[in-house]
Amino acid sequence: MSVNSHIQNNGGLTRQLAAQNMSFRETAHSGTDPDELSEILSTPNSPIKVSAEGNMPIAFHCNFISVGEVAVADCTYEGTVLVRREAPCDRMIVFLPMEGNACFDGMREQIYSVPARGTILEAGRATGARLFGPRRHFGLFIDQAKIISHLTQMFERTISGDIDFHPHIDLTAGPGLVLQQLVSSLHRGLSGNGPLQRSPLAVGSLCDAAIYLLLESCPNRYSNQLALPAPAPAPRHVKWAIDFMQEHIAEPISLNDIAMAAKVSVRTLQQGFRQFRDTTPMAYLHELRMAAAHRDLLASDAKQGIADVALRWGFTHLGRFAAEYRKRFGQLPSQTLKR
């Protein structure tokens, strides 16, 4: 399930304000119509179909608050609600239940959600769900691209593919309890005229804390690497090379150009990047350009096309660019442009 922060209806309340480049949006819905709930939970790229088991009555109250690439929710359901996702979602969803049970259809097996145990669903990993009311849960929704971006910064190298989180987290103690408190504080502090609406820096810190807590405390594909000591600081020639790449990111620079700017041989430059960045100089430059293209698409007003953005950053083969972009950010360039 996911958040549609753009839906408004008669039973809904929508607030939006912008402060220091951070946009908050709150949307609340109550009702008994499964079709209405379908609209609320759907996004343009990932429609959802909701039905009631045996045509028995259901009821819901959902309050969603989005903060850029992160959203939190407080939802309650009565009756047995059946949910079918009709297209993959590009967000990781964490359910933090307080009452009632749920069952999610995972890629290999069913995933059960019960009080005291959180559920982590990576983007595209769940095709449907069954909620057994009375059910109440907090939800944390994070764009897959944002999680990948955090990992990339932590490792200072390109990260792609699934993170493979273990689907369960204990909410009674340790990181799980802290995560539930973080999400609860975010929702409470942002809802209505909450004080966090006037403190975007605090909101950004809380969102980042939730992401780092998930990455560092919940078992995933990168857990062993994250447990290792931080690498030694990169030598000067690697820093000089990176500075040169950033200054000339849109220009057709070569490996020799970078080595000359770093005042070392090509071989020494390659060894430095392998040792301190776990990649090659040209792969690092490619990553910088891909990140720049992503920023342009996020900021686009739809007047510039995908081809223009790709060519600006040196990607001449649009099909290959789209495939690499999807692998890196978890969505196609066209999906980013539509947001």
Protein backbone atom coordinates (compact mmCIF):
# COMPACT_ATOMS: atom_id res chain seq x y z
CA MET A 1 0.00 0.00 0.00
CA SER A 2 1.19 3.53 -0.57
CA VAL A 3 0.35 7.16 -0.17
CA ASN A 4 -1.37 9.37 -2.70
CA SER A 5 -0.71 12.84 -1.38
CA HIS A 6 -2.60 14.51 -4.23
CA ILE A 7 -6.10 13.02 -3.70
CA GLN A 8 -8.69 15.30 -2.13
CA ASN A 9 -12.34 14.51 -1.40
CA ASN A 10 -15.25 15.71 0.71
CA GLY A 11 -14.03 13.86 3.79
CA GLY A 12 -10.45 14.96 3.39
CA LEU A 13 -8.33 17.73 4.87
CA THR A 14 -5.32 18.92 2.90
CA ARG A 15 -2.67 21.33 4.09
CA GLN A 16 0.47 22.31 2.29
CA LEU A 17 3.16 24.73 3.22
CA ALA A 18 6.69 25.32 2.04
CA ALA A 19 9.56 26.28 4.29
CA GLN A 20 13.25 26.21 3.45
CA ASN A 21 12.61 24.06 0.35
CA MET A 22 10.69 21.41 2.32
CA SER A 23 7.05 20.77 1.45
CA PHE A 24 4.58 19.30 3.93
CA ARG A 25 1.22 17.89 2.89
CA GLU A 26 -1.42 16.40 5.16
CA THR A 27 -4.40 14.46 3.84
CA ALA A 28 -7.01 12.80 6.06
CA HIS A 29 -9.83 10.52 4.89
CA SER A 30 -12.64 8.61 6.60
CA GLY A 31 -15.29 6.43 5.01
CA THR A 32 -16.79 3.03 4.28
CA ASP A 33 -16.51 2.76 0.48
CA PRO A 34 -13.82 0.33 -0.82
CA ASP A 35 -13.58 2.26 -4.11
CA GLU A 36 -12.85 5.46 -2.21
CA LEU A 37 -10.15 3.68 -0.23
CA SER A 38 -8.70 2.40 -3.53
CA GLU A 39 -8.26 6.00 -4.70
CA ILE A 40 -6.72 7.07 -1.42
CA LEU A 41 -4.10 4.32 -1.38
CA SER A 42 -3.24 4.46 -5.10
CA THR A 43 -0.58 6.52 -6.81
CA PRO A 44 -0.46 7.37 -10.55
CA ASN A 45 2.25 4.77 -11.13
CA SER A 46 0.94 2.12 -8.73
CA PRO A 47 -2.86 1.77 -8.67
CA ILE A 48 -4.47 -0.26 -5.90
CA LYS A 49 -7.80 -2.08 -5.85
CA VAL A 50 -9.54 -2.49 -2.49
CA SER A 51 -12.47 -4.80 -1.75
CA ALA A 52 -14.27 -6.08 1.34
CA GLU A 53 -14.13 -9.80 2.05
CA GLY A 54 -17.54 -11.37 1.45
CA ASN A 55 -18.96 -7.89 0.73
CA MET A 56 -19.11 -7.32 4.48
CA PRO A 57 -18.97 -3.70 5.70
CA ILE A 58 -15.65 -2.00 6.26
CA ALA A 59 -14.62 1.37 7.67
CA PHE A 60 -11.37 3.33 7.56
CA HIS A 61 -9.68 6.46 8.79
CA CYS A 62 -6.34 7.31 7.19
CA ASN A 63 -4.16 10.34 7.87
CA PHE A 64 -1.15 10.74 5.55
CA ILE A 65 1.59 13.36 5.87
CA SER A 66 4.24 13.65 3.16
CA VAL A 67 7.57 15.41 3.56
CA GLY A 68 9.32 15.35 0.21
CA GLU A 69 10.51 11.81 -0.44
CA VAL A 70 9.26 10.51 2.93
CA ALA A 71 5.71 10.10 4.22
CA VAL A 72 4.17 8.90 7.47
CA ALA A 73 0.65 7.67 8.13
CA ASP A 74 -1.69 6.75 10.96
CA CYS A 75 -4.40 4.37 9.69
CA THR A 76 -7.25 2.41 11.29
CA TYR A 77 -9.49 -0.18 9.64
CA GLU A 78 -12.65 -2.06 10.61
CA GLY A 79 -13.69 -5.29 8.91
CA THR A 80 -11.56 -7.45 6.62
CA VAL A 81 -10.00 -5.33 3.88
CA LEU A 82 -8.51 -6.97 0.77
CA VAL A 83 -5.86 -5.00 -1.12
CA ARG A 84 -4.45 -5.80 -4.57
CA ARG A 85 -1.59 -3.77 -6.06
CA GLU A 86 -1.88 -3.58 -9.85
CA ALA A 87 1.62 -2.22 -10.56
CA PRO A 88 4.88 -2.20 -8.58
CA CYS A 89 5.45 0.57 -6.05
CA ASP A 90 8.67 2.63 -6.02
CA ARG A 91 8.63 3.12 -2.25
CA MET A 92 9.79 1.03 0.65
CA ILE A 93 7.00 0.74 3.22
CA VAL A 94 7.42 0.00 6.92
CA PHE A 95 4.28 -0.95 8.86
CA LEU A 96 4.35 -0.45 12.63
CA PRO A 97 1.16 -2.10 13.95
CA MET A 98 -0.47 -1.25 17.28
CA GLU A 99 -3.65 -3.31 16.91
CA GLY A 100 -4.94 -6.08 14.65
CA ASN A 101 -3.24 -8.37 12.15
CA ALA A 102 -2.38 -8.20 8.45
CA CYS A 103 -0.95 -10.54 5.84
CA PHE A 104 1.08 -9.34 2.83
CA ASP A 105 1.69 -11.34 -0.35
CA GLY A 106 5.46 -11.28 -0.73
CA MET A 107 7.48 -12.41 -3.74
CA ARG A 108 8.33 -15.81 -2.22
CA GLU A 109 6.07 -16.16 0.79
CA GLN A 110 3.39 -14.46 2.83
CA ILE A 111 4.55 -11.90 5.39
CA TYR A 112 2.53 -11.52 8.57
CA SER A 113 2.16 -8.24 10.43
CA VAL A 114 1.12 -8.31 14.08
CA PRO A 115 1.43 -5.90 17.02
CA ALA A 116 4.95 -5.64 18.51
CA ARG A 117 6.48 -6.70 15.17
CA GLY A 118 7.10 -4.26 12.34
CA THR A 119 7.02 -5.23 8.69
CA ILE A 120 9.48 -3.94 6.06
CA LEU A 121 8.32 -4.21 2.43
CA GLU A 122 10.85 -3.14 -0.19
CA ALA A 123 9.68 -1.49 -3.39
CA GLY A 124 7.95 -4.01 -5.64
CA ARG A 125 8.06 -6.80 -3.03
CA ALA A 126 4.34 -6.95 -2.11
CA THR A 127 1.48 -7.52 -4.55
CA GLY A 128 -1.42 -7.53 -2.12
CA ALA A 129 -2.56 -7.60 1.48
CA ARG A 130 -5.35 -8.62 3.80
CA LEU A 131 -6.05 -6.42 6.83
CA PHE A 132 -8.05 -7.89 9.69
CA GLY A 133 -9.88 -5.18 11.62
CA PRO A 134 -9.93 -3.68 14.04
CA ARG A 135 -6.46 -2.78 12.79
CA ARG A 136 -4.30 0.27 13.47
CA HIS A 137 -0.79 0.93 12.28
CA PHE A 138 1.70 3.69 11.66
CA GLY A 139 3.23 3.63 8.20
CA LEU A 140 6.60 4.93 7.02
CA PHE A 141 6.99 5.38 3.24
CA ILE A 142 10.43 6.13 1.78
CA ASP A 143 11.33 6.54 -1.89
CA GLN A 144 13.68 3.72 -2.87
CA ALA A 145 15.91 6.29 -4.59
CA LYS A 146 16.37 8.16 -1.31
CA ILE A 147 17.50 5.01 0.49
CA ILE A 148 19.95 4.21 -2.31
CA SER A 149 21.22 7.80 -2.13
CA HIS A 150 21.89 7.45 1.59
CA LEU A 151 23.77 4.18 1.04
CA THR A 152 25.79 5.73 -1.78
CA GLN A 153 26.85 8.56 0.53
CA MET A 154 27.70 6.13 3.34
CA PHE A 155 29.92 4.00 1.08
CA GLU A 156 31.03 6.82 -1.25
CA ARG A 157 30.47 4.56 -4.25
CA THR A 158 27.70 3.52 -6.57
CA ILE A 159 24.95 1.40 -5.03
CA SER A 160 22.28 -0.31 -7.12
CA GLY A 161 19.75 -3.11 -6.91
CA ASP A 162 17.65 -4.35 -4.03
CA ILE A 163 18.77 -3.84 -0.44
CA ASP A 164 17.12 -7.09 0.67
CA PHE A 165 15.88 -6.07 4.09
CA HIS A 166 14.70 -8.82 6.40
CA PRO A 167 10.92 -8.25 6.47
CA HIS A 168 10.47 -8.18 10.27
CA ILE A 169 11.63 -5.89 13.07
CA ASP A 170 10.98 -6.23 16.81
CA LEU A 171 9.09 -3.16 18.09
CA THR A 172 9.27 -3.98 21.78
CA ALA A 173 12.88 -2.90 22.36
CA GLY A 174 16.02 -1.57 20.74
CA PRO A 175 16.01 -0.09 17.22
CA GLY A 176 12.43 -1.16 16.49
CA LEU A 177 11.06 0.66 19.51
CA VAL A 178 13.08 3.77 18.63
CA LEU A 179 11.83 3.61 15.03
CA GLN A 180 8.22 3.44 16.17
CA GLN A 181 8.79 6.42 18.46
CA LEU A 182 10.45 8.36 15.63
CA VAL A 183 7.55 7.77 13.22
CA SER A 184 4.98 8.55 15.92
CA SER A 185 6.82 11.79 16.76
CA LEU A 186 7.01 12.79 13.11
CA HIS A 187 3.30 12.20 12.57
CA ARG A 188 2.24 13.90 15.79
CA GLY A 189 4.60 16.83 15.25
CA LEU A 190 3.46 17.46 11.66
CA SER A 191 -0.30 16.86 11.93
CA GLY A 192 -2.67 19.77 12.37
CA ASN A 193 -0.56 22.80 13.22
CA GLY A 194 2.12 20.69 14.86
CA PRO A 195 5.39 22.37 15.90
CA LEU A 196 7.50 20.39 13.41
CA GLN A 197 5.83 22.24 10.54
CA ARG A 198 7.85 25.27 11.64
CA SER A 199 11.10 23.37 11.97
CA PRO A 200 12.02 21.78 8.60
CA LEU A 201 15.60 21.15 9.73
CA ALA A 202 14.32 19.01 12.61
CA VAL A 203 12.00 17.16 10.23
CA GLY A 204 14.87 16.45 7.84
CA SER A 205 17.01 15.16 10.70
CA LEU A 206 14.23 12.86 11.96
CA CYS A 207 13.64 11.47 8.45
CA ASP A 208 17.36 10.84 7.98
CA ALA A 209 17.55 9.24 11.43
CA ALA A 210 14.78 6.80 10.50
CA ILE A 211 16.56 5.81 7.27
CA TYR A 212 19.96 5.35 8.92
CA LEU A 213 18.35 3.38 11.74
CA LEU A 214 16.80 0.99 9.22
CA LEU A 215 20.04 0.60 7.25
CA GLU A 216 22.33 0.13 10.26
CA SER A 217 20.04 -1.89 12.54
CA CYS A 218 17.78 -4.03 10.34
CA PRO A 219 19.46 -7.00 8.61
CA ASN A 220 20.01 -6.34 4.91
CA ARG A 221 22.34 -7.06 2.02
CA TYR A 222 24.83 -4.41 3.21
CA SER A 223 24.78 -5.15 6.95
CA ASN A 224 28.21 -6.82 7.01
CA GLN A 225 29.83 -3.96 5.11
CA LEU A 226 28.16 -1.35 7.33
CA ALA A 227 29.53 -3.12 10.40
CA LEU A 228 33.12 -2.70 9.20
CA PRO A 229 35.23 0.25 10.41
CA ALA A 230 35.04 3.33 8.24
CA PRO A 231 37.76 3.43 5.56
CA ALA A 232 40.79 5.64 5.97
CA PRO A 233 40.54 9.15 4.49
CA ALA A 234 41.26 9.25 0.78
CA PRO A 235 44.67 10.64 -0.24
CA ARG A 236 45.01 14.07 -1.79
CA HIS A 237 45.21 12.87 -5.39
CA VAL A 238 41.83 11.10 -5.10
CA LYS A 239 40.26 14.25 -3.64
CA TRP A 240 41.82 16.38 -6.38
CA ALA A 241 40.44 13.99 -8.99
CA ILE A 242 36.93 14.18 -7.52
CA ASP A 243 37.10 17.98 -7.36
CA PHE A 244 38.13 18.08 -11.01
CA MET A 245 35.26 15.75 -11.98
CA GLN A 246 32.72 17.92 -10.18
CA GLU A 247 34.05 21.11 -11.76
CA HIS A 248 33.93 19.60 -15.27
CA ILE A 249 31.05 17.18 -14.82
CA ALA A 250 29.23 18.21 -18.01
CA GLU A 251 32.37 18.26 -20.17
CA PRO A 252 33.83 15.32 -22.19
CA ILE A 253 36.83 14.72 -19.90
CA SER A 254 38.99 11.61 -20.20
CA LEU A 255 40.83 9.41 -17.72
CA ASN A 256 44.09 11.10 -18.74
CA ASP A 257 42.57 14.52 -18.07
CA ILE A 258 41.59 13.43 -14.56
CA ALA A 259 44.99 11.92 -13.84
CA MET A 260 46.75 15.11 -14.99
CA ALA A 261 44.51 17.22 -12.75
CA ALA A 262 45.30 14.90 -9.82
CA LYS A 263 49.05 15.11 -10.62
CA VAL A 264 49.53 11.32 -10.69
CA SER A 265 49.77 8.60 -13.28
CA VAL A 266 46.66 6.85 -14.58
CA ARG A 267 47.73 3.66 -12.81
CA THR A 268 48.15 5.42 -9.45
CA LEU A 269 44.78 7.13 -9.89
CA GLN A 270 43.07 3.82 -10.62
CA GLN A 271 44.69 2.17 -7.60
CA GLY A 272 43.59 5.06 -5.36
CA PHE A 273 39.96 4.81 -6.47
CA ARG A 274 39.94 1.03 -6.08
CA GLN A 275 41.38 1.25 -2.57
CA PHE A 276 39.49 4.27 -1.22
CA ARG A 277 36.28 4.41 -3.30
CA ASP A 278 35.88 0.75 -4.29
CA THR A 279 35.29 1.76 -7.91
CA THR A 280 37.11 3.17 -10.94
CA PRO A 281 37.56 6.87 -11.73
CA MET A 282 35.30 6.72 -14.80
CA ALA A 283 32.60 4.77 -12.93
CA TYR A 284 32.72 7.45 -10.23
CA LEU A 285 32.32 10.17 -12.87
CA HIS A 286 29.42 8.22 -14.39
CA GLU A 287 27.74 8.12 -10.98
CA LEU A 288 28.17 11.88 -10.53
CA ARG A 289 26.53 12.48 -13.90
CA MET A 290 23.69 10.08 -13.18
CA ALA A 291 23.00 11.86 -9.88
CA ALA A 292 23.01 15.22 -11.71
CA ALA A 293 20.49 13.91 -14.25
CA HIS A 294 18.30 12.69 -11.39
CA ARG A 295 18.37 16.13 -9.75
CA ASP A 296 17.44 17.78 -13.05
CA LEU A 297 14.49 15.45 -13.59
CA LEU A 298 13.26 16.02 -10.03
CA ALA A 299 13.43 19.78 -10.52
CA SER A 300 12.03 19.78 -14.06
CA ASP A 301 8.91 21.76 -14.85
CA ALA A 302 8.10 19.29 -17.66
CA LYS A 303 9.29 21.81 -20.29
CA GLN A 304 12.54 19.93 -20.80
CA GLY A 305 12.43 16.39 -22.07
CA ILE A 306 14.26 13.32 -20.85
CA ALA A 307 16.48 13.35 -23.93
CA ASP A 308 17.59 16.93 -23.18
CA VAL A 309 18.53 16.02 -19.62
CA ALA A 310 20.34 12.85 -20.69
CA LEU A 311 22.36 14.60 -23.38
CA ARG A 312 23.26 17.47 -21.03
CA TRP A 313 25.05 14.98 -18.78
CA GLY A 314 26.69 12.95 -21.52
CA PHE A 315 24.23 10.07 -21.95
CA THR A 316 23.79 9.64 -25.69
CA HIS A 317 22.03 6.26 -25.72
CA LEU A 318 18.56 6.89 -24.25
CA GLY A 319 17.63 3.23 -23.87
CA ARG A 320 20.80 2.45 -21.94
CA PHE A 321 20.35 5.63 -19.88
CA ALA A 322 16.80 4.60 -18.92
CA ALA A 323 17.94 1.09 -17.93
CA GLU A 324 20.85 2.35 -15.83
CA TYR A 325 18.67 5.06 -14.28
CA ARG A 326 16.05 2.51 -13.23
CA LYS A 327 18.72 0.26 -11.73
CA ARG A 328 20.20 3.20 -9.81
CA PHE A 329 17.04 4.98 -8.63
CA GLY A 330 14.39 2.26 -8.72
CA GLN A 331 12.22 3.99 -11.34
CA LEU A 332 12.31 5.10 -14.97
CA PRO A 333 13.25 8.69 -15.88
CA SER A 334 9.69 9.25 -17.09
CA GLN A 335 8.35 8.29 -13.65
CA THR A 336 10.63 10.83 -11.96
CA LEU A 337 9.58 13.50 -14.45
CA LYS A 338 5.85 12.96 -13.71
CA ARG A 339 6.22 13.51 -9.96
